[in-house]
Amino acid sequence: MRKSIALLTLLVAFSLLLAACGAAEETAAPAEATEAMEMTEEPGETEGPAPAAQGGGILDKVKSSGKLICGGRTDLAGFGMLDADGNNEGFDVDLCRAVAAAVLGDPTAIELVPLTAADRGPVLQTAEVDMLSRNVTWTASREAQWGNFTTTMFFDGQGFMITKDSGITSTDEFDGATVCVTSGTTTEQNLSDFFRQNGMSYEAVIFEDTSAVYAAYEEGRCDVTTSDKSQLASVRSGFADPDAHIILDITISKEPLTPVVPHGDDTWYDTVNIVMFALINAEELGVTQDNVEAMKTSDNIKVLRLLGQEGDWGYSDLGLDADALARAIAAVGNYGEIYDRYMGPNGKSFTLPRGPNNLWTNGGLIYAPPVK
């Protein structure tokens, strides 16, 4: 009898012990889950969409700071240069101004950071600039390594410049030539590929600073210089005797030039892209810097959509107001106006026929998605 009572007491005690352990485990589980959650969440993180999807990230930073940090240059006529008063201007600068006008309502609210060619990748990878607009060629490796490239805003190709008195008439005579070139560029790689492909040798005279490349060429330290044809035309226009230099009628590469933004922020990428689309569509639809306000009462539905007078085709998703793209166009004009301002027949810098940079409706390659 006593043995039975003892055995029963032991069983009851064991049952109570198991129940206590189970309750402890149930209590510990939420604590462990909370601890795991705290370990995986960064400070300030909350559940839900990533900040970019909510209009955060770079867009919010730009709005909060009241300025757009734009990587560019100040040494290339037509694209990025200083005017007589020391102000930044050029095709690439105007693309930055258009974004600032759309996002901040002020095209002058940009901080332009002059960069060498070698600086471009690193400042994008570390997001030291909000956008890069500096003669940047879109390539597969740069798309993967540097950032997100927006739509092509300038179609270019690499060429060669020589002096008239060099006696050279074609690239077949380049074997053994010395060539001035900028380091850290697709130009440098294309040059190597061209000579290797054609079984010729050359001596590269390499500089990190673009202005040093052309100073050396003009001083006669190399037989040939090479870069995008637009850059060659720009530099030649500033020589003491532009007519003493020839840009050969040969193009050895594809150089699609476009603004770039840092990886990892889809909202900001879409914002910059949509402004570029607007500049192109504006030219196609006949909307100019001077008539943009009047065109808000147009009977063309596409124009009304472009200028925010018809529906919402993405403004609110990006945290922009309906007048954003109209402000961008009012600030810098449409694509054709920007091009002509610097490179048209009466351009500030030099004259360069539009060629592939005509609208697709005029036989060129400039094309943007429809406004809807």
Protein backbone atom coordinates (compact mmCIF):
# COMPACT_ATOMS: atom_id res chain seq x y z
CA MET A 1 0.00 0.00 0.00
CA ARG A 2 2.76 2.37 1.00
CA LYS A 3 4.62 1.46 -2.20
CA SER A 4 1.50 2.31 -4.26
CA ILE A 5 1.08 5.69 -2.56
CA ALA A 6 4.74 6.49 -3.11
CA LEU A 7 4.50 5.50 -6.76
CA LEU A 8 1.37 7.65 -7.22
CA THR A 9 3.07 10.62 -5.55
CA LEU A 10 6.05 10.21 -7.86
CA LEU A 11 3.83 10.13 -10.97
CA VAL A 12 1.95 13.29 -9.89
CA ALA A 13 5.22 15.14 -9.24
CA PHE A 14 6.61 14.06 -12.64
CA SER A 15 3.42 15.27 -14.39
CA LEU A 16 3.65 18.65 -12.68
CA LEU A 17 7.30 18.92 -13.72
CA LEU A 18 6.45 18.23 -17.38
CA ALA A 19 3.66 20.82 -17.30
CA ALA A 20 6.00 23.42 -15.85
CA CYS A 21 8.64 22.73 -18.55
CA GLY A 22 6.03 23.03 -21.29
CA ALA A 23 4.84 26.39 -19.97
CA ALA A 24 8.42 27.60 -19.79
CA GLU A 25 9.03 26.59 -23.41
CA GLU A 26 5.84 28.36 -24.52
CA THR A 27 6.96 31.47 -22.66
CA ALA A 28 10.48 31.26 -24.06
CA ALA A 29 9.43 30.81 -27.69
CA PRO A 30 8.10 34.36 -28.17
CA ALA A 31 11.12 35.75 -26.36
CA GLU A 32 13.45 33.80 -28.68
CA ALA A 33 11.47 34.91 -31.73
CA THR A 34 11.64 38.52 -30.55
CA GLU A 35 15.36 38.20 -29.98
CA ALA A 36 15.84 36.74 -33.47
CA MET A 37 13.76 39.56 -34.94
CA GLU A 38 15.87 42.14 -33.12
CA MET A 39 19.04 40.53 -34.45
CA THR A 40 17.88 40.63 -38.08
CA GLU A 41 16.28 44.10 -38.08
CA GLU A 42 18.39 47.22 -38.38
CA PRO A 43 17.56 50.15 -36.09
CA GLY A 44 14.62 52.08 -37.41
CA GLU A 45 13.38 49.25 -39.66
CA THR A 46 9.72 48.42 -39.66
CA GLU A 47 7.70 45.73 -41.33
CA GLY A 48 6.35 46.43 -44.80
CA PRO A 49 7.79 47.61 -48.12
CA ALA A 50 11.37 48.80 -48.42
CA PRO A 51 11.85 52.58 -48.08
CA ALA A 52 12.37 52.99 -51.84
CA ALA A 53 8.96 51.51 -52.52
CA GLN A 54 7.43 54.10 -50.20
CA GLY A 55 9.15 56.98 -51.96
CA GLY A 56 12.11 56.97 -49.58
CA GLY A 57 15.80 56.58 -50.19
CA ILE A 58 17.54 59.07 -52.46
CA LEU A 59 14.34 60.87 -53.44
CA ASP A 60 13.56 61.65 -49.80
CA LYS A 61 17.18 62.64 -49.18
CA VAL A 62 17.13 65.07 -52.10
CA LYS A 63 13.85 66.59 -50.93
CA SER A 64 15.06 66.83 -47.35
CA SER A 65 18.38 68.46 -48.25
CA GLY A 66 16.83 70.71 -50.87
CA LYS A 67 19.56 69.96 -53.39
CA LEU A 68 20.52 67.37 -56.00
CA ILE A 69 24.13 66.20 -55.89
CA CYS A 70 25.13 65.61 -59.48
CA GLY A 71 28.45 64.16 -60.63
CA GLY A 72 29.69 65.93 -63.74
CA ARG A 73 32.51 67.89 -65.27
CA THR A 74 33.56 71.47 -65.95
CA ASP A 75 36.10 70.97 -68.73
CA LEU A 76 34.18 69.80 -71.81
CA ALA A 77 32.47 72.38 -73.99
CA GLY A 78 28.92 71.44 -74.90
CA PHE A 79 28.51 68.86 -72.14
CA GLY A 80 29.88 70.22 -68.88
CA MET A 81 31.69 73.55 -68.69
CA LEU A 82 31.84 76.89 -66.89
CA ASP A 83 30.39 80.00 -68.51
CA ALA A 84 31.98 83.46 -68.36
CA ASP A 85 30.50 83.98 -64.88
CA GLY A 86 31.71 80.64 -63.54
CA ASN A 87 28.32 78.93 -63.70
CA ASN A 88 27.97 75.30 -64.74
CA GLU A 89 26.32 74.69 -68.09
CA GLY A 90 26.13 72.09 -70.83
CA PHE A 91 24.02 69.24 -72.16
CA ASP A 92 24.77 66.94 -69.21
CA VAL A 93 24.29 69.77 -66.70
CA ASP A 94 20.84 70.54 -68.12
CA LEU A 95 19.79 66.94 -67.54
CA CYS A 96 20.62 67.42 -63.86
CA ARG A 97 18.75 70.71 -63.80
CA ALA A 98 15.68 69.07 -65.30
CA VAL A 99 15.61 66.51 -62.46
CA ALA A 100 16.10 69.24 -59.84
CA ALA A 101 13.22 71.24 -61.35
CA ALA A 102 10.92 68.20 -61.30
CA VAL A 103 11.78 67.06 -57.78
CA LEU A 104 12.58 70.33 -56.00
CA GLY A 105 10.87 72.94 -58.16
CA ASP A 106 14.21 74.70 -58.64
CA PRO A 107 16.58 73.94 -61.53
CA THR A 108 19.42 75.76 -59.77
CA ALA A 109 19.20 73.50 -56.69
CA ILE A 110 22.06 71.29 -57.80
CA GLU A 111 25.50 70.75 -56.37
CA LEU A 112 27.72 69.76 -59.27
CA VAL A 113 30.70 67.64 -58.24
CA PRO A 114 33.48 67.67 -60.89
CA LEU A 115 34.81 64.15 -61.45
CA THR A 116 37.60 62.54 -63.42
CA ALA A 117 36.76 59.58 -65.64
CA ALA A 118 38.26 57.23 -63.04
CA ASP A 119 36.07 58.70 -60.26
CA ARG A 120 32.76 57.86 -61.91
CA GLY A 121 32.35 54.23 -60.85
CA PRO A 122 33.48 54.63 -57.23
CA VAL A 123 31.21 57.61 -56.46
CA LEU A 124 28.22 55.68 -57.78
CA GLN A 125 29.11 52.54 -55.87
CA THR A 126 29.31 54.51 -52.62
CA ALA A 127 26.29 56.70 -53.51
CA GLU A 128 28.33 59.88 -53.00
CA VAL A 129 26.30 61.45 -55.81
CA ASP A 130 22.55 61.26 -56.40
CA MET A 131 23.04 60.98 -60.15
CA LEU A 132 25.95 60.97 -62.55
CA SER A 133 25.64 62.92 -65.79
CA ARG A 134 29.12 63.03 -67.29
CA ASN A 135 29.57 61.46 -70.75
CA VAL A 136 29.08 57.99 -69.30
CA THR A 137 28.99 55.09 -71.76
CA TRP A 138 26.44 52.41 -70.87
CA THR A 139 28.08 48.98 -70.93
CA ALA A 140 27.04 45.58 -69.60
CA SER A 141 29.78 45.46 -66.96
CA ARG A 142 29.11 49.01 -65.75
CA GLU A 143 25.40 48.23 -65.43
CA ALA A 144 26.34 45.33 -63.16
CA GLN A 145 29.10 47.07 -61.21
CA TRP A 146 28.46 50.81 -61.15
CA GLY A 147 24.75 51.59 -61.00
CA ASN A 148 21.48 51.77 -62.90
CA PHE A 149 21.75 53.44 -66.31
CA THR A 150 18.72 55.42 -67.43
CA THR A 151 17.57 55.79 -71.03
CA THR A 152 20.20 56.74 -73.63
CA MET A 153 20.29 60.52 -74.06
CA PHE A 154 23.16 60.75 -76.54
CA PHE A 155 24.26 58.20 -79.12
CA ASP A 156 27.97 58.51 -79.83
CA GLY A 157 30.88 56.50 -81.21
CA GLN A 158 34.64 56.58 -80.82
CA GLY A 159 36.77 58.20 -83.48
CA PHE A 160 40.27 59.55 -84.10
CA MET A 161 41.65 63.07 -84.50
CA ILE A 162 44.89 63.89 -86.31
CA THR A 163 46.61 67.02 -87.54
CA LYS A 164 46.25 67.97 -91.18
CA ASP A 165 50.00 68.09 -91.64
CA SER A 166 50.48 64.54 -90.28
CA GLY A 167 50.08 63.14 -93.76
CA ILE A 168 47.81 60.37 -92.42
CA THR A 169 44.74 59.75 -94.54
CA SER A 170 43.30 56.58 -92.96
CA THR A 171 43.62 54.30 -89.95
CA ASP A 172 45.55 51.84 -92.16
CA GLU A 173 48.53 54.13 -91.56
CA PHE A 174 48.29 54.01 -87.76
CA ASP A 175 50.77 51.14 -87.24
CA GLY A 176 53.40 52.27 -84.72
CA ALA A 177 51.57 55.51 -83.88
CA THR A 178 51.59 57.18 -80.49
CA VAL A 179 48.04 57.79 -79.24
CA CYS A 180 46.93 60.13 -76.44
CA VAL A 181 44.03 58.69 -74.44
CA THR A 182 42.23 59.10 -71.11
CA SER A 183 42.68 56.30 -68.55
CA GLY A 184 39.75 54.52 -66.91
CA THR A 185 37.49 54.88 -69.95
CA THR A 186 35.90 52.64 -72.55
CA THR A 187 37.99 54.69 -75.00
CA GLU A 188 41.17 53.14 -73.64
CA GLN A 189 39.82 49.59 -74.02
CA ASN A 190 38.36 50.26 -77.48
CA LEU A 191 41.73 51.61 -78.61
CA SER A 192 43.49 48.43 -77.53
CA ASP A 193 40.83 46.26 -79.18
CA PHE A 194 41.05 48.20 -82.44
CA PHE A 195 44.80 47.89 -82.83
CA ARG A 196 44.84 44.24 -81.79
CA GLN A 197 41.98 43.41 -84.15
CA ASN A 198 43.82 45.05 -87.03
CA GLY A 199 47.23 43.55 -86.24
CA MET A 200 48.89 46.90 -85.56
CA SER A 201 51.05 48.19 -82.73
CA TYR A 202 50.84 51.55 -80.98
CA GLU A 203 52.23 53.44 -78.00
CA ALA A 204 49.61 54.78 -75.60
CA VAL A 205 50.26 58.13 -73.92
CA ILE A 206 47.83 57.92 -70.99
CA PHE A 207 46.51 60.65 -68.71
CA GLU A 208 43.83 60.52 -66.02
CA ASP A 209 42.75 64.10 -66.70
CA THR A 210 41.04 64.65 -70.05
CA SER A 211 42.41 68.16 -70.48
CA ALA A 212 45.95 66.78 -70.15
CA VAL A 213 45.25 64.34 -72.99
CA TYR A 214 44.42 67.11 -75.43
CA ALA A 215 47.14 69.43 -74.20
CA ALA A 216 49.67 66.69 -74.94
CA TYR A 217 48.14 66.07 -78.36
CA GLU A 218 48.16 69.76 -79.25
CA GLU A 219 51.79 69.97 -78.15
CA GLY A 220 52.64 67.21 -80.61
CA ARG A 221 53.48 64.55 -78.03
CA CYS A 222 51.36 62.01 -79.91
CA ASP A 223 50.35 61.39 -83.51
CA VAL A 224 46.71 60.66 -82.79
CA THR A 225 44.13 61.26 -80.08
CA THR A 226 40.93 59.32 -79.65
CA SER A 227 37.63 59.60 -77.83
CA ASP A 228 33.90 59.87 -78.52
CA LYS A 229 33.41 61.91 -81.67
CA SER A 230 31.32 64.47 -79.80
CA GLN A 231 34.21 65.02 -77.39
CA LEU A 232 36.70 65.35 -80.23
CA ALA A 233 34.48 67.97 -81.88
CA SER A 234 34.13 69.78 -78.57
CA VAL A 235 37.85 69.85 -77.87
CA ARG A 236 38.80 70.81 -81.42
CA SER A 237 36.49 73.84 -81.19
CA GLY A 238 38.69 75.17 -78.37
CA PHE A 239 42.03 74.71 -80.12
CA ALA A 240 44.02 77.75 -81.23
CA ASP A 241 43.55 76.62 -84.86
CA PRO A 242 40.61 74.16 -85.09
CA ASP A 243 40.96 73.87 -88.86
CA ALA A 244 44.43 72.37 -88.44
CA HIS A 245 42.87 69.18 -87.05
CA ILE A 246 40.81 66.47 -88.74
CA ILE A 247 38.35 64.00 -87.21
CA LEU A 248 38.58 60.94 -89.42
CA ASP A 249 35.40 59.55 -90.94
CA ILE A 250 35.51 56.28 -89.03
CA THR A 251 33.62 55.08 -85.96
CA ILE A 252 35.05 52.10 -84.08
CA SER A 253 32.54 51.63 -81.27
CA LYS A 254 29.04 52.14 -79.89
CA GLU A 255 28.95 54.74 -77.11
CA PRO A 256 25.43 55.19 -75.69
CA LEU A 257 25.71 58.00 -73.15
CA THR A 258 23.21 58.28 -70.32
CA PRO A 259 22.78 59.50 -66.74
CA VAL A 260 23.34 56.87 -64.05
CA VAL A 261 22.03 56.49 -60.49
CA PRO A 262 23.29 54.28 -57.63
CA HIS A 263 22.07 50.69 -57.41
CA GLY A 264 19.35 49.69 -54.97
CA ASP A 265 16.75 52.45 -55.24
CA ASP A 266 14.07 51.70 -57.81
CA THR A 267 12.00 54.76 -56.96
CA TRP A 268 14.90 57.13 -57.61
CA TYR A 269 15.83 55.29 -60.81
CA ASP A 270 12.23 55.61 -62.03
CA THR A 271 12.15 59.29 -61.09
CA VAL A 272 15.26 60.21 -63.09
CA ASN A 273 14.15 58.01 -65.99
CA ILE A 274 10.70 59.57 -66.18
CA VAL A 275 12.23 63.05 -66.42
CA MET A 276 14.46 61.90 -69.30
CA PHE A 277 11.39 60.40 -71.02
CA ALA A 278 9.55 63.70 -70.58
CA LEU A 279 12.27 65.73 -72.31
CA ILE A 280 12.19 63.41 -75.31
CA ASN A 281 8.39 63.18 -75.49
CA ALA A 282 8.14 66.95 -75.19
CA GLU A 283 10.12 67.44 -78.41
CA GLU A 284 8.04 64.80 -80.17
CA LEU A 285 4.80 66.48 -79.03
CA GLY A 286 5.92 70.03 -79.78
CA VAL A 287 6.10 71.18 -76.17
CA THR A 288 8.86 73.77 -75.70
CA GLN A 289 10.35 75.84 -72.93
CA ASP A 290 8.36 78.85 -74.14
CA ASN A 291 4.97 77.25 -74.79
CA VAL A 292 4.75 74.74 -71.94
CA GLU A 293 2.22 76.78 -69.95
CA ALA A 294 0.02 77.40 -72.98
CA MET A 295 0.16 73.72 -73.92
CA LYS A 296 -1.54 72.81 -70.64
CA THR A 297 -4.80 73.66 -72.38
CA SER A 298 -3.97 71.69 -75.54
CA ASP A 299 -6.58 69.45 -77.14
CA ASN A 300 -3.92 66.72 -77.52
CA ILE A 301 -4.48 64.09 -74.83
CA LYS A 302 -0.82 63.01 -74.95
CA VAL A 303 0.29 66.55 -74.24
CA LEU A 304 -2.15 66.86 -71.35
CA ARG A 305 -0.86 63.63 -69.83
CA LEU A 306 2.74 64.76 -70.20
CA LEU A 307 2.02 68.05 -68.46
CA GLY A 308 -0.01 66.53 -65.63
CA GLN A 309 -3.39 67.76 -66.81
CA GLU A 310 -4.86 64.33 -67.62
CA GLY A 311 -4.86 61.42 -65.16
CA ASP A 312 -2.05 60.14 -62.96
CA TRP A 313 0.40 58.00 -64.89
CA GLY A 314 2.92 57.49 -62.15
CA TYR A 315 3.51 60.86 -60.49
CA SER A 316 2.01 59.92 -57.13
CA ASP A 317 3.83 56.57 -57.06
CA LEU A 318 7.10 58.50 -57.24
CA GLY A 319 6.13 61.16 -54.76
CA LEU A 320 5.99 63.85 -57.46
CA ASP A 321 3.23 66.36 -58.02
CA ALA A 322 1.36 66.54 -61.33
CA ASP A 323 3.26 69.65 -62.47
CA ALA A 324 6.72 68.08 -62.02
CA LEU A 325 7.49 67.31 -65.66
CA ALA A 326 6.07 70.60 -66.86
CA ARG A 327 8.57 72.32 -64.52
CA ALA A 328 11.43 70.27 -65.95
CA ILE A 329 10.55 71.28 -69.52
CA ALA A 330 10.05 74.93 -68.51
CA ALA A 331 13.47 74.92 -66.86
CA VAL A 332 15.64 73.52 -69.68
CA GLY A 333 13.41 72.96 -72.71
CA ASN A 334 12.77 69.74 -74.58
CA TYR A 335 15.47 67.34 -75.78
CA GLY A 336 15.99 69.12 -79.09
CA GLU A 337 16.25 72.51 -77.41
CA ILE A 338 18.92 71.23 -75.04
CA TYR A 339 20.90 69.70 -77.92
CA ASP A 340 20.65 72.81 -80.09
CA ARG A 341 21.55 75.12 -77.20
CA TYR A 342 25.08 73.72 -77.15
CA MET A 343 25.62 71.80 -80.40
CA GLY A 344 23.06 73.09 -82.88
CA PRO A 345 23.75 75.39 -85.86
CA ASN A 346 23.88 78.38 -83.49
CA GLY A 347 25.03 76.47 -80.43
CA LYS A 348 27.11 78.00 -77.66
CA SER A 349 29.92 75.47 -78.03
CA PHE A 350 30.20 73.97 -81.52
CA THR A 351 28.06 72.55 -84.29
CA LEU A 352 27.51 68.81 -84.44
CA PRO A 353 24.80 67.41 -86.75
CA ARG A 354 22.25 65.44 -84.73
CA GLY A 355 22.54 62.28 -86.82
CA PRO A 356 21.48 59.38 -84.59
CA ASN A 357 20.43 61.91 -81.96
CA ASN A 358 17.45 62.94 -84.05
CA LEU A 359 14.05 61.76 -82.89
CA TRP A 360 13.01 58.36 -84.19
CA THR A 361 10.36 60.16 -86.26
CA ASN A 362 13.19 61.99 -88.06
CA GLY A 363 15.32 58.93 -88.75
CA GLY A 364 17.28 59.01 -85.49
CA LEU A 365 17.49 56.76 -82.44
CA ILE A 366 16.05 59.06 -79.77
CA TYR A 367 12.91 57.36 -78.50
CA ALA A 368 10.96 57.33 -75.25
CA PRO A 369 8.06 55.20 -73.97
CA PRO A 370 4.61 56.71 -74.56
CA VAL A 371 2.98 58.91 -71.97
CA LYS A 372 0.26 56.72 -70.43
